[in-house]
Amino acid sequence: MKGSTHRRCYCRDPHTGKPLGKKCPKLSSRKHGSYSIRQELPPHEDGTRRSFSRAGYESLKTAQADLDHVRALLALADKDDPDSLQRLIALLEEVAAEKAPLPAIEETRRRLRAGLALRGSLTVGEWLDQWFAAKKRRKTTLNGYASHIRVHLKPRIGQVRLDRLNVGHLVEMFDGIADDNEVIAAENEARREQIARCKPSKPGRPVGAERKLLAVERAKLAEMKPFRKITGPASRQAIRRTLRAALNSAIAQQLITFNPASHVELESGKRPKPLLWTDERDGRDPRPRDGVDPAAVRRLPRRGRG
């Protein structure tokens, strides 16, 4: 297929107002005008011609580089795979219409071979919204997904293109969560200290002077942030599980080929094991989460025995 570069300007005849085109006398200077490229594409089904065109290059060298780039993209299609060629043509037509940069050749080759969309403009946030909208789980599970997406994932990595998300982005996200934990812990401690200042020094109604001081301290307390929970190891693991599930779904739909959430390392998020109530733990309230008395378990009747 034919392709060419040419130089043109936008000067007009002062009398007729028509473009001078190649007749412009200033084109003898290399600094006048700009370069354009035009690459023929396979015709439409009805036989009409189509091409990729782009103008505004400052030099012949940059124009020729883009023309070679367009030809290299078209060459990615196998001769016995007309569908690949049509996808590449559609890609070039979209790029030309949007005046977007030409896509990288190797990235386009990888996407073409994997059957992925040739232009990855979908963001992580957009995909998380799509994925969550299609989920059918228990309400408690969905609430957890929604919280992870709203509080952590979208604010921190939602703007990243889905196909460009990598382990580095996730390391940065979890480092940011850890930094926020330190801030929250410090603010919680400051609030506890301020609450202590708001209590009278002695039981009973404080005297007038102390009431004024307490009013000032309570006003300061009212301006402070409320107590907040830190995002502990177990919660960070849950956030990663949510993201990993969403990205696995994206892989299944051939939007991406790699799941960085499966490769980021986090500290263990295991919950502490429940403890059985014993006489040695005198002074604690034996609540249900502490377990049950093994002796009581042995006294329970077994099903199937009568």
C-alpha atoms as a PDB file:
ATOM      1  CA  MET A   1       0.000   0.000   0.000  1.00  0.00           C
ATOM      2  CA  LYS A   2       1.266   3.427  -0.946  1.00  0.00           C
ATOM      3  CA  GLY A   3       2.276   6.070   1.547  1.00  0.00           C
ATOM      4  CA  SER A   4       3.981   9.429   1.268  1.00  0.00           C
ATOM      5  CA  THR A   5       5.134  12.572   3.058  1.00  0.00           C
ATOM      6  CA  HIS A   6       4.720  16.063   1.684  1.00  0.00           C
ATOM      7  CA  ARG A   7       5.207  19.646   2.757  1.00  0.00           C
ATOM      8  CA  ARG A   8       2.470  22.207   2.623  1.00  0.00           C
ATOM      9  CA  CYS A   9       1.582  25.632   3.942  1.00  0.00           C
ATOM     10  CA  TYR A  10      -1.598  27.527   4.568  1.00  0.00           C
ATOM     11  CA  CYS A  11      -0.790  30.681   2.649  1.00  0.00           C
ATOM     12  CA  ARG A  12      -3.555  32.076   0.431  1.00  0.00           C
ATOM     13  CA  ASP A  13      -3.615  34.128  -2.718  1.00  0.00           C
ATOM     14  CA  PRO A  14      -4.148  37.756  -1.604  1.00  0.00           C
ATOM     15  CA  HIS A  15      -6.531  38.368  -4.511  1.00  0.00           C
ATOM     16  CA  THR A  16      -8.625  35.216  -4.681  1.00  0.00           C
ATOM     17  CA  GLY A  17      -8.224  33.957  -1.133  1.00  0.00           C
ATOM     18  CA  LYS A  18      -7.575  30.436  -2.400  1.00  0.00           C
ATOM     19  CA  PRO A  19      -4.816  28.260  -0.822  1.00  0.00           C
ATOM     20  CA  LEU A  20      -1.547  28.480  -2.745  1.00  0.00           C
ATOM     21  CA  GLY A  21      -0.558  24.925  -1.924  1.00  0.00           C
ATOM     22  CA  LYS A  22       2.578  23.837  -3.758  1.00  0.00           C
ATOM     23  CA  LYS A  23       2.632  27.138  -5.685  1.00  0.00           C
ATOM     24  CA  CYS A  24       3.592  29.110  -2.577  1.00  0.00           C
ATOM     25  CA  PRO A  25       6.950  30.789  -3.318  1.00  0.00           C
ATOM     26  CA  LYS A  26       7.980  30.546   0.357  1.00  0.00           C
ATOM     27  CA  LEU A  27       8.106  26.760   0.181  1.00  0.00           C
ATOM     28  CA  SER A  28      11.629  27.076  -1.176  1.00  0.00           C
ATOM     29  CA  SER A  29      12.606  27.704   2.461  1.00  0.00           C
ATOM     30  CA  ARG A  30      12.716  24.564   4.642  1.00  0.00           C
ATOM     31  CA  LYS A  31      11.446  26.542   7.606  1.00  0.00           C
ATOM     32  CA  HIS A  32       8.215  27.483   5.871  1.00  0.00           C
ATOM     33  CA  GLY A  33       5.145  25.311   6.144  1.00  0.00           C
ATOM     34  CA  SER A  34       4.854  21.898   7.769  1.00  0.00           C
ATOM     35  CA  TYR A  35       4.999  18.266   6.748  1.00  0.00           C
ATOM     36  CA  SER A  36       2.123  15.821   6.421  1.00  0.00           C
ATOM     37  CA  ILE A  37       1.834  12.072   5.951  1.00  0.00           C
ATOM     38  CA  ARG A  38      -0.705   9.925   4.142  1.00  0.00           C
ATOM     39  CA  GLN A  39      -0.829   6.137   4.221  1.00  0.00           C
ATOM     40  CA  GLU A  40      -3.234   4.175   2.055  1.00  0.00           C
ATOM     41  CA  LEU A  41      -5.365   1.620   3.931  1.00  0.00           C
ATOM     42  CA  PRO A  42      -7.273  -1.341   2.503  1.00  0.00           C
ATOM     43  CA  PRO A  43     -10.491  -0.059   0.885  1.00  0.00           C
ATOM     44  CA  HIS A  44     -13.952  -0.363   2.393  1.00  0.00           C
ATOM     45  CA  GLU A  45     -16.157  -3.307   1.469  1.00  0.00           C
ATOM     46  CA  ASP A  46     -17.859  -1.162  -1.174  1.00  0.00           C
ATOM     47  CA  GLY A  47     -14.496  -0.373  -2.749  1.00  0.00           C
ATOM     48  CA  THR A  48     -14.209   3.226  -1.577  1.00  0.00           C
ATOM     49  CA  ARG A  49     -10.727   4.348  -0.621  1.00  0.00           C
ATOM     50  CA  ARG A  50      -9.561   5.148   2.882  1.00  0.00           C
ATOM     51  CA  SER A  51      -6.293   6.338   4.343  1.00  0.00           C
ATOM     52  CA  PHE A  52      -4.500   7.492   7.480  1.00  0.00           C
ATOM     53  CA  SER A  53      -3.511  11.163   7.305  1.00  0.00           C
ATOM     54  CA  ARG A  54      -1.803  13.458   9.758  1.00  0.00           C
ATOM     55  CA  ALA A  55      -0.364  16.969   9.402  1.00  0.00           C
ATOM     56  CA  GLY A  56       1.607  19.479  11.419  1.00  0.00           C
ATOM     57  CA  TYR A  57       5.070  17.910  11.515  1.00  0.00           C
ATOM     58  CA  GLU A  58       7.917  20.380  11.900  1.00  0.00           C
ATOM     59  CA  SER A  59      10.442  18.284  10.014  1.00  0.00           C
ATOM     60  CA  LEU A  60      10.592  15.616   7.340  1.00  0.00           C
ATOM     61  CA  LYS A  61      12.372  13.313   9.802  1.00  0.00           C
ATOM     62  CA  THR A  62       9.514  13.284  12.336  1.00  0.00           C
ATOM     63  CA  ALA A  63       6.929  12.902   9.567  1.00  0.00           C
ATOM     64  CA  GLN A  64       8.776   9.941   8.075  1.00  0.00           C
ATOM     65  CA  ALA A  65       9.127   8.330  11.528  1.00  0.00           C
ATOM     66  CA  ASP A  66       5.360   8.411  12.039  1.00  0.00           C
ATOM     67  CA  LEU A  67       4.724   7.096   8.539  1.00  0.00           C
ATOM     68  CA  ASP A  68       7.054   4.169   9.261  1.00  0.00           C
ATOM     69  CA  HIS A  69       5.240   3.691  12.575  1.00  0.00           C
ATOM     70  CA  VAL A  70       1.871   3.420  10.814  1.00  0.00           C
ATOM     71  CA  ARG A  71       3.281   0.889   8.348  1.00  0.00           C
ATOM     72  CA  ALA A  72       4.773  -1.164  11.208  1.00  0.00           C
ATOM     73  CA  LEU A  73       1.392  -1.289  12.929  1.00  0.00           C
ATOM     74  CA  LEU A  74      -0.297  -2.544   9.762  1.00  0.00           C
ATOM     75  CA  ALA A  75       2.444  -5.167   9.365  1.00  0.00           C
ATOM     76  CA  LEU A  76       1.472  -6.721  12.718  1.00  0.00           C
ATOM     77  CA  ALA A  77      -1.490  -8.439  11.065  1.00  0.00           C
ATOM     78  CA  ASP A  78      -0.832 -11.959   9.816  1.00  0.00           C
ATOM     79  CA  LYS A  79      -1.530 -12.479   6.142  1.00  0.00           C
ATOM     80  CA  ASP A  80      -3.986 -15.291   6.894  1.00  0.00           C
ATOM     81  CA  ASP A  81      -5.819 -13.304   9.599  1.00  0.00           C
ATOM     82  CA  PRO A  82      -8.062 -10.652   8.023  1.00  0.00           C
ATOM     83  CA  ASP A  83      -9.736  -9.978  11.372  1.00  0.00           C
ATOM     84  CA  SER A  84      -6.448  -8.716  12.845  1.00  0.00           C
ATOM     85  CA  LEU A  85      -5.976  -6.388   9.899  1.00  0.00           C
ATOM     86  CA  GLN A  86      -9.474  -4.956  10.319  1.00  0.00           C
ATOM     87  CA  ARG A  87      -8.828  -4.370  14.028  1.00  0.00           C
ATOM     88  CA  LEU A  88      -5.614  -2.501  13.225  1.00  0.00           C
ATOM     89  CA  ILE A  89      -7.367  -0.403  10.588  1.00  0.00           C
ATOM     90  CA  ALA A  90     -10.099   0.479  13.088  1.00  0.00           C
ATOM     91  CA  LEU A  91      -7.388   1.409  15.588  1.00  0.00           C
ATOM     92  CA  LEU A  92      -5.685   3.775  13.133  1.00  0.00           C
ATOM     93  CA  GLU A  93      -8.999   5.363  12.162  1.00  0.00           C
ATOM     94  CA  GLU A  94      -9.799   6.033  15.845  1.00  0.00           C
ATOM     95  CA  VAL A  95      -6.342   7.476  16.471  1.00  0.00           C
ATOM     96  CA  ALA A  96      -6.633   9.722  13.405  1.00  0.00           C
ATOM     97  CA  ALA A  97     -10.116  10.944  14.360  1.00  0.00           C
ATOM     98  CA  GLU A  98      -9.054  11.741  17.940  1.00  0.00           C
ATOM     99  CA  LYS A  99      -5.644  13.092  16.882  1.00  0.00           C
ATOM    100  CA  ALA A 100      -4.189  10.807  19.564  1.00  0.00           C
ATOM    101  CA  PRO A 101      -0.573   9.602  19.678  1.00  0.00           C
ATOM    102  CA  LEU A 102       0.207   6.451  17.731  1.00  0.00           C
ATOM    103  CA  PRO A 103       0.115   3.384  20.013  1.00  0.00           C
ATOM    104  CA  ALA A 104       3.380   1.597  20.840  1.00  0.00           C
ATOM    105  CA  ILE A 105       4.152  -1.196  18.409  1.00  0.00           C
ATOM    106  CA  GLU A 106       5.163  -3.865  20.943  1.00  0.00           C
ATOM    107  CA  GLU A 107       2.209  -3.108  23.213  1.00  0.00           C
ATOM    108  CA  THR A 108      -0.134  -3.344  20.228  1.00  0.00           C
ATOM    109  CA  ARG A 109       1.494  -6.618  19.164  1.00  0.00           C
ATOM    110  CA  ARG A 110       0.965  -8.066  22.665  1.00  0.00           C
ATOM    111  CA  ARG A 111      -2.666  -6.985  22.758  1.00  0.00           C
ATOM    112  CA  LEU A 112      -3.337  -8.285  19.255  1.00  0.00           C
ATOM    113  CA  ARG A 113      -1.929 -11.724  20.074  1.00  0.00           C
ATOM    114  CA  ALA A 114      -3.810 -11.908  23.388  1.00  0.00           C
ATOM    115  CA  GLY A 115      -7.094 -10.906  21.777  1.00  0.00           C
ATOM    116  CA  LEU A 116      -7.338  -7.795  23.963  1.00  0.00           C
ATOM    117  CA  ALA A 117      -8.746  -4.397  23.051  1.00  0.00           C
ATOM    118  CA  LEU A 118      -6.037  -2.561  21.112  1.00  0.00           C
ATOM    119  CA  ARG A 119      -6.655   0.656  23.003  1.00  0.00           C
ATOM    120  CA  GLY A 120      -6.735   0.330  26.768  1.00  0.00           C
ATOM    121  CA  SER A 121      -8.531   3.455  27.949  1.00  0.00           C
ATOM    122  CA  LEU A 122     -10.587   1.784  30.715  1.00  0.00           C
ATOM    123  CA  THR A 123      -9.478   2.907  34.179  1.00  0.00           C
ATOM    124  CA  VAL A 124      -9.296   0.787  37.331  1.00  0.00           C
ATOM    125  CA  GLY A 125     -12.097   2.827  38.886  1.00  0.00           C
ATOM    126  CA  GLU A 126     -14.380   2.332  35.880  1.00  0.00           C
ATOM    127  CA  TRP A 127     -13.709  -1.393  35.844  1.00  0.00           C
ATOM    128  CA  LEU A 128     -14.341  -1.724  39.605  1.00  0.00           C
ATOM    129  CA  ASP A 129     -17.732  -0.048  39.131  1.00  0.00           C
ATOM    130  CA  GLN A 130     -18.613  -2.420  36.273  1.00  0.00           C
ATOM    131  CA  TRP A 131     -17.400  -5.465  38.174  1.00  0.00           C
ATOM    132  CA  PHE A 132     -19.270  -4.557  41.364  1.00  0.00           C
ATOM    133  CA  ALA A 133     -22.518  -3.819  39.488  1.00  0.00           C
ATOM    134  CA  ALA A 134     -22.475  -7.365  38.079  1.00  0.00           C
ATOM    135  CA  LYS A 135     -21.766  -9.094  41.418  1.00  0.00           C
ATOM    136  CA  LYS A 136     -24.417 -11.244  43.073  1.00  0.00           C
ATOM    137  CA  ARG A 137     -23.347 -12.090  46.608  1.00  0.00           C
ATOM    138  CA  ARG A 138     -24.655 -11.898  50.146  1.00  0.00           C
ATOM    139  CA  LYS A 139     -25.368  -8.384  51.359  1.00  0.00           C
ATOM    140  CA  THR A 140     -22.540  -8.492  53.905  1.00  0.00           C
ATOM    141  CA  THR A 141     -20.045  -9.512  51.220  1.00  0.00           C
ATOM    142  CA  LEU A 142     -21.229  -6.779  48.858  1.00  0.00           C
ATOM    143  CA  ASN A 143     -20.990  -4.220  51.655  1.00  0.00           C
ATOM    144  CA  GLY A 144     -17.359  -5.216  52.172  1.00  0.00           C
ATOM    145  CA  TYR A 145     -16.607  -4.912  48.441  1.00  0.00           C
ATOM    146  CA  ALA A 146     -18.332  -1.524  48.304  1.00  0.00           C
ATOM    147  CA  SER A 147     -16.372  -0.224  51.291  1.00  0.00           C
ATOM    148  CA  HIS A 148     -13.018  -1.364  49.905  1.00  0.00           C
ATOM    149  CA  ILE A 149     -13.764   0.205  46.518  1.00  0.00           C
ATOM    150  CA  ARG A 150     -15.127   3.492  47.881  1.00  0.00           C
ATOM    151  CA  VAL A 151     -12.671   4.108  50.726  1.00  0.00           C
ATOM    152  CA  HIS A 152      -9.400   2.682  49.426  1.00  0.00           C
ATOM    153  CA  LEU A 153      -9.244   1.427  45.841  1.00  0.00           C
ATOM    154  CA  LYS A 154     -10.891   4.186  43.805  1.00  0.00           C
ATOM    155  CA  PRO A 155      -9.335   7.123  45.695  1.00  0.00           C
ATOM    156  CA  ARG A 156      -5.827   5.643  45.430  1.00  0.00           C
ATOM    157  CA  ILE A 157      -5.649   3.759  42.091  1.00  0.00           C
ATOM    158  CA  GLY A 158      -8.982   4.490  40.410  1.00  0.00           C
ATOM    159  CA  GLN A 159      -7.424   6.902  37.900  1.00  0.00           C
ATOM    160  CA  VAL A 160      -4.807   4.379  36.685  1.00  0.00           C
ATOM    161  CA  ARG A 161      -5.471   2.744  33.320  1.00  0.00           C
ATOM    162  CA  LEU A 162      -6.543  -0.842  33.909  1.00  0.00           C
ATOM    163  CA  ASP A 163      -4.011  -2.301  31.484  1.00  0.00           C
ATOM    164  CA  ARG A 164      -1.169  -0.317  33.080  1.00  0.00           C
ATOM    165  CA  LEU A 165      -1.806  -1.217  36.724  1.00  0.00           C
ATOM    166  CA  ASN A 166       1.279  -2.867  38.195  1.00  0.00           C
ATOM    167  CA  VAL A 167       2.707  -4.073  41.497  1.00  0.00           C
ATOM    168  CA  GLY A 168       4.366  -0.700  42.068  1.00  0.00           C
ATOM    169  CA  HIS A 169       0.969   1.024  42.111  1.00  0.00           C
ATOM    170  CA  LEU A 170      -0.260  -1.404  44.770  1.00  0.00           C
ATOM    171  CA  VAL A 171       2.864  -1.073  46.901  1.00  0.00           C
ATOM    172  CA  GLU A 172       2.358   2.689  46.847  1.00  0.00           C
ATOM    173  CA  MET A 173      -1.320   2.264  47.755  1.00  0.00           C
ATOM    174  CA  PHE A 174      -0.663   0.066  50.779  1.00  0.00           C
ATOM    175  CA  ASP A 175       2.224   2.293  51.894  1.00  0.00           C
ATOM    176  CA  GLY A 176      -0.242   5.188  51.796  1.00  0.00           C
ATOM    177  CA  ILE A 177      -2.702   3.229  53.921  1.00  0.00           C
ATOM    178  CA  ALA A 178       0.072   2.539  56.452  1.00  0.00           C
ATOM    179  CA  ASP A 179       0.963   6.244  56.543  1.00  0.00           C
ATOM    180  CA  ASP A 180      -2.687   7.129  57.143  1.00  0.00           C
ATOM    181  CA  ASN A 181      -2.795   4.612  59.989  1.00  0.00           C
ATOM    182  CA  GLU A 182      -0.021   6.498  61.757  1.00  0.00           C
ATOM    183  CA  VAL A 183      -1.907   9.777  61.360  1.00  0.00           C
ATOM    184  CA  ILE A 184      -5.159   8.215  62.602  1.00  0.00           C
ATOM    185  CA  ALA A 185      -3.408   6.648  65.618  1.00  0.00           C
ATOM    186  CA  ALA A 186      -1.861  10.011  66.545  1.00  0.00           C
ATOM    187  CA  GLU A 187      -5.186  11.834  66.163  1.00  0.00           C
ATOM    188  CA  ASN A 188      -7.002   9.193  68.232  1.00  0.00           C
ATOM    189  CA  GLU A 189      -4.413   9.520  71.012  1.00  0.00           C
ATOM    190  CA  ALA A 190      -4.696  13.313  70.932  1.00  0.00           C
ATOM    191  CA  ARG A 191      -8.477  13.007  71.244  1.00  0.00           C
ATOM    192  CA  ARG A 192      -8.159  10.669  74.232  1.00  0.00           C
ATOM    193  CA  GLU A 193      -5.838  13.132  75.929  1.00  0.00           C
ATOM    194  CA  GLN A 194      -8.249  15.969  75.203  1.00  0.00           C
ATOM    195  CA  ILE A 195     -11.167  13.983  76.656  1.00  0.00           C
ATOM    196  CA  ALA A 196      -9.153  13.569  79.835  1.00  0.00           C
ATOM    197  CA  ARG A 197      -8.728  17.357  80.035  1.00  0.00           C
ATOM    198  CA  CYS A 198     -12.493  17.801  79.799  1.00  0.00           C
ATOM    199  CA  LYS A 199     -13.176  15.922  83.026  1.00  0.00           C
ATOM    200  CA  PRO A 200     -13.507  17.819  86.328  1.00  0.00           C
ATOM    201  CA  SER A 201     -10.687  17.410  88.814  1.00  0.00           C
ATOM    202  CA  LYS A 202     -13.047  16.247  91.565  1.00  0.00           C
ATOM    203  CA  PRO A 203     -16.370  14.410  91.638  1.00  0.00           C
ATOM    204  CA  GLY A 204     -19.417  16.611  91.616  1.00  0.00           C
ATOM    205  CA  ARG A 205     -20.220  19.906  89.992  1.00  0.00           C
ATOM    206  CA  PRO A 206     -17.053  21.928  89.277  1.00  0.00           C
ATOM    207  CA  VAL A 207     -16.674  25.458  90.628  1.00  0.00           C
ATOM    208  CA  GLY A 208     -17.043  28.522  88.421  1.00  0.00           C
ATOM    209  CA  ALA A 209     -13.375  28.956  87.497  1.00  0.00           C
ATOM    210  CA  GLU A 210     -13.002  25.295  86.575  1.00  0.00           C
ATOM    211  CA  ARG A 211     -16.249  25.331  84.576  1.00  0.00           C
ATOM    212  CA  LYS A 212     -14.830  28.053  82.341  1.00  0.00           C
ATOM    213  CA  LEU A 213     -11.625  26.078  81.798  1.00  0.00           C
ATOM    214  CA  LEU A 214     -13.608  22.920  81.051  1.00  0.00           C
ATOM    215  CA  ALA A 215     -15.791  24.825  78.567  1.00  0.00           C
ATOM    216  CA  VAL A 216     -12.659  25.908  76.682  1.00  0.00           C
ATOM    217  CA  GLU A 217     -11.295  22.347  76.625  1.00  0.00           C
ATOM    218  CA  ARG A 218     -14.643  20.927  75.483  1.00  0.00           C
ATOM    219  CA  ALA A 219     -14.776  23.485  72.668  1.00  0.00           C
ATOM    220  CA  LYS A 220     -11.350  22.256  71.552  1.00  0.00           C
ATOM    221  CA  LEU A 221     -12.622  18.670  71.687  1.00  0.00           C
ATOM    222  CA  ALA A 222     -15.605  19.567  69.517  1.00  0.00           C
ATOM    223  CA  GLU A 223     -13.240  20.818  66.782  1.00  0.00           C
ATOM    224  CA  MET A 224     -11.165  17.618  66.746  1.00  0.00           C
ATOM    225  CA  LYS A 225     -11.788  14.714  64.391  1.00  0.00           C
ATOM    226  CA  PRO A 226     -13.829  11.821  65.827  1.00  0.00           C
ATOM    227  CA  PHE A 227     -12.200   8.503  66.646  1.00  0.00           C
ATOM    228  CA  ARG A 228     -11.401   6.519  63.512  1.00  0.00           C
ATOM    229  CA  LYS A 229     -10.446   2.912  62.929  1.00  0.00           C
ATOM    230  CA  ILE A 230      -7.062   2.104  61.468  1.00  0.00           C
ATOM    231  CA  THR A 231      -6.859  -0.274  58.513  1.00  0.00           C
ATOM    232  CA  GLY A 232      -5.169  -3.251  60.129  1.00  0.00           C
ATOM    233  CA  PRO A 233      -3.377  -6.205  58.486  1.00  0.00           C
ATOM    234  CA  ALA A 234      -6.572  -8.270  58.175  1.00  0.00           C
ATOM    235  CA  SER A 235      -8.386  -5.370  56.482  1.00  0.00           C
ATOM    236  CA  ARG A 236      -5.487  -4.794  54.082  1.00  0.00           C
ATOM    237  CA  GLN A 237      -5.592  -8.463  53.119  1.00  0.00           C
ATOM    238  CA  ALA A 238      -9.340  -8.161  52.510  1.00  0.00           C
ATOM    239  CA  ILE A 239      -8.775  -5.101  50.296  1.00  0.00           C
ATOM    240  CA  ARG A 240      -6.255  -7.060  48.260  1.00  0.00           C
ATOM    241  CA  ARG A 241      -8.691  -9.994  47.915  1.00  0.00           C
ATOM    242  CA  THR A 242     -11.362  -7.654  46.566  1.00  0.00           C
ATOM    243  CA  LEU A 243      -8.976  -6.174  44.009  1.00  0.00           C
ATOM    244  CA  ARG A 244      -7.600  -9.589  43.068  1.00  0.00           C
ATOM    245  CA  ALA A 245     -11.111 -10.903  42.408  1.00  0.00           C
ATOM    246  CA  ALA A 246     -11.950  -7.862  40.258  1.00  0.00           C
ATOM    247  CA  LEU A 247      -8.736  -8.202  38.243  1.00  0.00           C
ATOM    248  CA  ASN A 248      -9.234 -11.949  37.764  1.00  0.00           C
ATOM    249  CA  SER A 249     -12.598 -11.110  36.244  1.00  0.00           C
ATOM    250  CA  ALA A 250     -10.893  -8.600  33.939  1.00  0.00           C
ATOM    251  CA  ILE A 251      -8.484 -11.340  32.833  1.00  0.00           C
ATOM    252  CA  ALA A 252     -11.415 -13.666  32.139  1.00  0.00           C
ATOM    253  CA  GLN A 253     -12.892 -10.977  29.878  1.00  0.00           C
ATOM    254  CA  GLN A 254      -9.515 -10.545  28.129  1.00  0.00           C
ATOM    255  CA  LEU A 255      -9.115  -6.943  29.232  1.00  0.00           C
ATOM    256  CA  ILE A 256      -5.726  -7.611  30.856  1.00  0.00           C
ATOM    257  CA  THR A 257      -3.283 -10.514  31.057  1.00  0.00           C
ATOM    258  CA  PHE A 258      -1.591  -9.905  34.448  1.00  0.00           C
ATOM    259  CA  ASN A 259      -2.989  -9.592  37.974  1.00  0.00           C
ATOM    260  CA  PRO A 260      -0.630  -7.481  40.144  1.00  0.00           C
ATOM    261  CA  ALA A 261      -2.793  -8.073  43.242  1.00  0.00           C
ATOM    262  CA  SER A 262      -1.614 -11.694  43.219  1.00  0.00           C
ATOM    263  CA  HIS A 263       2.023 -10.601  43.499  1.00  0.00           C
ATOM    264  CA  VAL A 264       2.064  -7.724  46.002  1.00  0.00           C
ATOM    265  CA  GLU A 265       3.367  -8.817  49.415  1.00  0.00           C
ATOM    266  CA  LEU A 266       1.551  -7.865  52.623  1.00  0.00           C
ATOM    267  CA  GLU A 267       2.077  -8.737  56.242  1.00  0.00           C
ATOM    268  CA  SER A 268      -0.027 -11.576  57.590  1.00  0.00           C
ATOM    269  CA  GLY A 269      -3.592 -10.586  58.273  1.00  0.00           C
ATOM    270  CA  LYS A 270      -4.575 -13.634  60.323  1.00  0.00           C
ATOM    271  CA  ARG A 271      -7.040 -13.008  63.113  1.00  0.00           C
ATOM    272  CA  PRO A 272      -6.009 -14.027  66.647  1.00  0.00           C
ATOM    273  CA  LYS A 273      -7.213 -17.490  67.590  1.00  0.00           C
ATOM    274  CA  PRO A 274     -10.075 -17.640  70.120  1.00  0.00           C
ATOM    275  CA  LEU A 275      -9.146 -18.725  73.649  1.00  0.00           C
ATOM    276  CA  LEU A 276     -11.022 -21.216  75.794  1.00  0.00           C
ATOM    277  CA  TRP A 277     -12.207 -20.012  79.171  1.00  0.00           C
ATOM    278  CA  THR A 278     -10.223 -21.523  82.052  1.00  0.00           C
ATOM    279  CA  ASP A 279      -9.891 -20.903  85.772  1.00  0.00           C
ATOM    280  CA  GLU A 280      -6.481 -19.310  85.140  1.00  0.00           C
ATOM    281  CA  ARG A 281      -8.187 -16.536  83.211  1.00  0.00           C
ATOM    282  CA  ASP A 282     -10.096 -15.398  86.285  1.00  0.00           C
ATOM    283  CA  GLY A 283     -11.303 -11.838  86.059  1.00  0.00           C
ATOM    284  CA  ARG A 284     -12.281 -11.905  82.388  1.00  0.00           C
ATOM    285  CA  ASP A 285     -15.806 -12.141  81.117  1.00  0.00           C
ATOM    286  CA  PRO A 286     -16.151 -15.502  79.289  1.00  0.00           C
ATOM    287  CA  ARG A 287     -17.998 -14.184  76.243  1.00  0.00           C
ATOM    288  CA  PRO A 288     -19.050 -16.506  73.364  1.00  0.00           C
ATOM    289  CA  ARG A 289     -16.116 -15.484  71.178  1.00  0.00           C
ATOM    290  CA  ASP A 290     -13.711 -16.911  73.768  1.00  0.00           C
ATOM    291  CA  GLY A 291     -14.857 -20.407  72.867  1.00  0.00           C
ATOM    292  CA  VAL A 292     -16.717 -22.977  74.954  1.00  0.00           C
ATOM    293  CA  ASP A 293     -15.858 -25.238  77.833  1.00  0.00           C
ATOM    294  CA  PRO A 294     -14.545 -28.581  76.446  1.00  0.00           C
ATOM    295  CA  ALA A 295     -16.262 -30.389  79.325  1.00  0.00           C
ATOM    296  CA  ALA A 296     -19.559 -28.809  78.353  1.00  0.00           C
ATOM    297  CA  VAL A 297     -19.058 -29.982  74.798  1.00  0.00           C
ATOM    298  CA  ARG A 298     -18.542 -33.547  75.973  1.00  0.00           C
ATOM    299  CA  ARG A 299     -21.818 -33.398  77.940  1.00  0.00           C
ATOM    300  CA  LEU A 300     -23.847 -32.408  74.853  1.00  0.00           C
ATOM    301  CA  PRO A 301     -25.922 -35.268  73.357  1.00  0.00           C
ATOM    302  CA  ARG A 302     -24.680 -36.489  69.981  1.00  0.00           C
ATOM    303  CA  ARG A 303     -27.050 -36.626  67.050  1.00  0.00           C
ATOM    304  CA  GLY A 304     -28.081 -40.070  65.961  1.00  0.00           C
ATOM    305  CA  ARG A 305     -27.700 -41.587  69.414  1.00  0.00           C
ATOM    306  CA  GLY A 306     -30.733 -42.410  71.517  1.00  0.00           C
END
